[in-house]
Protein backbone atom coordinates (compact mmCIF):
# COMPACT_ATOMS: atom_id res chain seq x y z
CA UNK A 1 305.38 -215.90 -17.62
CA UNK A 2 303.45 -213.48 -15.49
CA UNK A 3 301.31 -210.77 -16.95
CA UNK A 4 302.08 -207.13 -16.30
CA UNK A 5 299.02 -206.97 -14.02
CA UNK A 6 300.34 -209.92 -12.00
CA UNK A 7 303.77 -208.33 -11.75
CA UNK A 8 302.26 -205.05 -10.58
CA UNK A 9 300.28 -206.84 -7.89
CA UNK A 10 303.36 -208.78 -6.78
CA UNK A 11 305.29 -205.52 -6.50
CA UNK A 12 302.57 -204.08 -4.28
CA UNK A 13 303.08 -207.02 -1.94
CA UNK A 14 306.82 -206.48 -1.55
CA UNK A 15 308.31 -205.09 1.64
CA UNK A 16 309.49 -201.51 1.17
CA UNK A 17 313.20 -202.40 1.10
CA UNK A 18 312.69 -205.00 -1.63
CA UNK A 19 310.47 -202.62 -3.62
CA UNK A 20 313.21 -199.96 -3.53
CA UNK A 21 315.80 -202.54 -4.59
CA UNK A 22 313.57 -203.65 -7.46
CA UNK A 23 313.05 -200.04 -8.51
CA UNK A 24 316.82 -199.52 -8.69
CA UNK A 25 317.26 -202.70 -10.70
CA UNK A 26 314.52 -201.60 -13.11
CA UNK A 27 316.14 -198.16 -13.50
CA UNK A 28 319.47 -199.84 -14.22
CA UNK A 29 317.82 -202.11 -16.78
CA UNK A 30 316.06 -199.19 -18.49
CA UNK A 31 319.28 -197.19 -18.52
CA UNK A 32 321.03 -200.11 -20.25
CA UNK A 33 318.23 -200.32 -22.82
CA UNK A 34 318.52 -196.57 -23.45
CA UNK A 35 322.30 -196.85 -23.90
CA UNK A 36 321.83 -199.74 -26.32
CA UNK A 37 319.24 -197.82 -28.35
CA UNK A 38 321.47 -194.76 -28.44
CA UNK A 39 324.41 -196.79 -29.70
CA UNK A 40 322.23 -198.40 -32.36
CA UNK A 41 320.99 -194.97 -33.44
CA UNK A 42 324.55 -193.63 -33.67
CA UNK A 43 325.74 -196.64 -35.66
CA UNK A 44 322.75 -196.38 -38.02
CA UNK A 45 323.41 -192.67 -38.63
CA UNK A 46 320.10 -191.54 -37.13
CA UNK A 47 321.85 -188.76 -35.22
CA UNK A 48 324.07 -187.52 -38.02
CA UNK A 49 321.86 -184.51 -38.81
CA UNK A 50 321.72 -183.50 -35.14
CA UNK A 51 325.48 -183.84 -34.78
CA UNK A 52 326.10 -181.81 -37.94
CA UNK A 53 323.79 -179.04 -36.74
CA UNK A 54 325.49 -178.93 -33.34
CA UNK A 55 328.90 -178.69 -34.97
CA UNK A 56 327.71 -175.89 -37.27
CA UNK A 57 326.26 -173.93 -34.37
CA UNK A 58 329.42 -174.37 -32.35
CA UNK A 59 331.60 -173.29 -35.27
CA UNK A 60 329.49 -170.18 -35.76
CA UNK A 61 329.77 -169.18 -32.09
CA UNK A 62 326.20 -169.98 -31.11
CA UNK A 63 327.22 -172.14 -28.14
CA UNK A 64 328.29 -171.37 -24.59
CA UNK A 65 330.40 -173.29 -22.10
CA UNK A 66 328.36 -175.74 -20.04
CA UNK A 67 329.39 -174.14 -16.74
CA UNK A 68 327.76 -170.88 -17.87
CA UNK A 69 324.51 -172.70 -18.52
CA UNK A 70 324.34 -174.69 -15.29
CA UNK A 71 325.93 -172.01 -13.11
CA UNK A 72 329.00 -173.95 -11.94
CA UNK A 73 331.52 -171.26 -12.67
């Protein structure tokens, strides 16, 4: 297995098109890892307090429609 330093050097040697392709593949991989971690956190109840707080704030009228926030009315 290559070390991170060796991988970095190999990336520097790639033609631009291959480097961009690798970057996209790495982003996709990291996105999948993030999704997996999120699902694990949900299943383990690590987000329960955040969800409860959001529901309480919504029920008490402290929220606004998303289109008001991002300006897509």
